[in-house]
Amino acid sequence: MQLETALEQGAAAYGWSDQRWTAPRVTTLVAEVFHVSYTTRGVAYLLRRLGWSFQVLAHRATRRDNARVAEWTRRVWPAIKAPGRLGNRGWCSPTNPARA
């Protein structure tokens, strides 16, 4: 199908700055390429029928150094991590057994 071919080329091929396809972007693509007017909701239904699903992007650092992250986690994180509760648990009820 022509729409699936266009979607597989990626959003950057059609002028967007990233590869993310959103329903409004696909609506614009359909209008420009096929000269057909769809609502955003209609495009969402169309994409679902074609087997495309909406996904949340995973944001990952492109220049991540895993060795430095592991070293930081081992050395620095324990020093800045908030300490847990000290002592016994408190009792916030006005019917505190200790007050009786």
Protein backbone atom coordinates (compact mmCIF):
# COMPACT_ATOMS: atom_id res chain seq x y z
CA MET A 1 0.00 0.00 0.00
CA GLN A 2 1.29 3.48 -0.82
CA LEU A 3 0.59 4.94 2.63
CA GLU A 4 2.57 2.21 4.37
CA THR A 5 5.48 2.78 1.99
CA ALA A 6 5.40 6.49 2.81
CA LEU A 7 5.29 5.77 6.54
CA GLU A 8 8.20 3.34 6.34
CA GLN A 9 10.36 6.06 4.76
CA GLY A 10 10.09 7.96 8.02
CA ALA A 11 8.87 11.40 9.00
CA ALA A 12 12.24 13.00 8.26
CA ALA A 13 11.83 12.10 4.59
CA TYR A 14 8.78 14.38 4.53
CA GLY A 15 10.38 17.37 6.23
CA TRP A 16 9.99 16.77 9.96
CA SER A 17 13.03 17.03 12.21
CA ASP A 18 12.65 13.56 13.74
CA GLN A 19 11.36 10.11 12.77
CA ARG A 20 8.23 10.27 14.93
CA TRP A 21 4.91 9.73 13.20
CA THR A 22 1.99 11.31 15.02
CA ALA A 23 -1.64 11.28 13.94
CA PRO A 24 -1.55 14.99 12.99
CA ARG A 25 1.60 14.42 10.92
CA VAL A 26 0.04 11.47 9.13
CA THR A 27 -3.07 13.60 8.52
CA THR A 28 -0.86 16.21 6.85
CA LEU A 29 0.97 13.50 4.87
CA VAL A 30 -2.31 12.02 3.59
CA ALA A 31 -3.56 15.48 2.58
CA GLU A 32 -0.34 16.39 0.73
CA VAL A 33 0.40 13.08 -0.95
CA PHE A 34 -3.05 11.67 -1.65
CA HIS A 35 -5.09 14.91 -1.75
CA VAL A 36 -7.64 13.43 0.65
CA SER A 37 -8.93 15.15 3.77
CA TYR A 38 -9.06 13.02 6.93
CA THR A 39 -9.62 14.01 10.53
CA THR A 40 -6.91 13.20 13.03
CA ARG A 41 -9.21 10.67 14.65
CA GLY A 42 -9.92 9.10 11.26
CA VAL A 43 -6.20 8.76 10.58
CA ALA A 44 -5.75 7.12 13.98
CA TYR A 45 -8.41 4.54 13.07
CA LEU A 46 -6.81 4.04 9.65
CA LEU A 47 -3.38 3.46 11.19
CA ARG A 48 -4.86 0.97 13.64
CA ARG A 49 -6.51 -0.96 10.78
CA LEU A 50 -3.18 -1.06 8.94
CA GLY A 51 -1.47 -2.56 11.99
CA TRP A 52 0.43 0.53 13.10
CA SER A 53 0.40 1.18 16.83
CA PHE A 54 1.11 4.24 18.88
CA GLN A 55 4.27 3.99 20.92
CA VAL A 56 6.02 6.13 23.48
CA LEU A 57 9.49 7.18 22.47
CA ALA A 58 12.40 5.92 24.49
CA HIS A 59 14.69 8.86 25.10
CA ARG A 60 18.27 7.69 25.17
CA ALA A 61 21.49 9.64 25.24
CA THR A 62 23.32 9.29 21.95
CA ARG A 63 26.77 9.74 23.48
CA ARG A 64 26.27 7.74 26.67
CA ASP A 65 29.35 6.20 28.25
CA ASN A 66 28.10 3.14 30.15
CA ALA A 67 31.40 2.66 32.00
CA ARG A 68 31.26 6.21 33.41
CA VAL A 69 27.59 5.76 34.36
CA ALA A 70 28.40 2.52 36.21
CA GLU A 71 31.32 4.20 38.02
CA TRP A 72 29.14 7.18 39.01
CA THR A 73 26.40 4.84 40.25
CA ARG A 74 28.89 2.86 42.33
CA ARG A 75 30.85 5.80 43.77
CA VAL A 76 28.73 8.96 43.84
CA TRP A 77 25.10 7.83 44.11
CA PRO A 78 25.40 6.23 47.58
CA ALA A 79 26.88 9.50 48.94
CA ILE A 80 23.96 11.64 47.73
CA LYS A 81 21.16 9.14 48.19
CA ALA A 82 18.73 10.24 50.88
CA PRO A 83 18.99 8.15 54.04
CA GLY A 84 16.02 6.07 55.12
CA ARG A 85 14.05 6.52 58.31
CA LEU A 86 15.99 6.38 61.51
CA GLY A 87 14.65 4.68 64.64
CA ASN A 88 11.18 3.29 65.16
CA ARG A 89 8.14 4.09 63.09
CA GLY A 90 5.94 6.86 64.38
CA TRP A 91 2.25 6.79 65.11
CA CYS A 92 0.18 9.66 63.75
CA SER A 93 -3.21 8.59 65.07
CA PRO A 94 -4.77 10.64 67.90
CA THR A 95 -5.48 7.30 69.55
CA ASN A 96 -1.77 6.65 69.95
CA PRO A 97 -1.30 3.76 72.38
CA ALA A 98 1.75 5.50 73.86
CA ARG A 99 -0.39 8.49 74.92
CA ALA A 100 -2.82 6.40 76.93
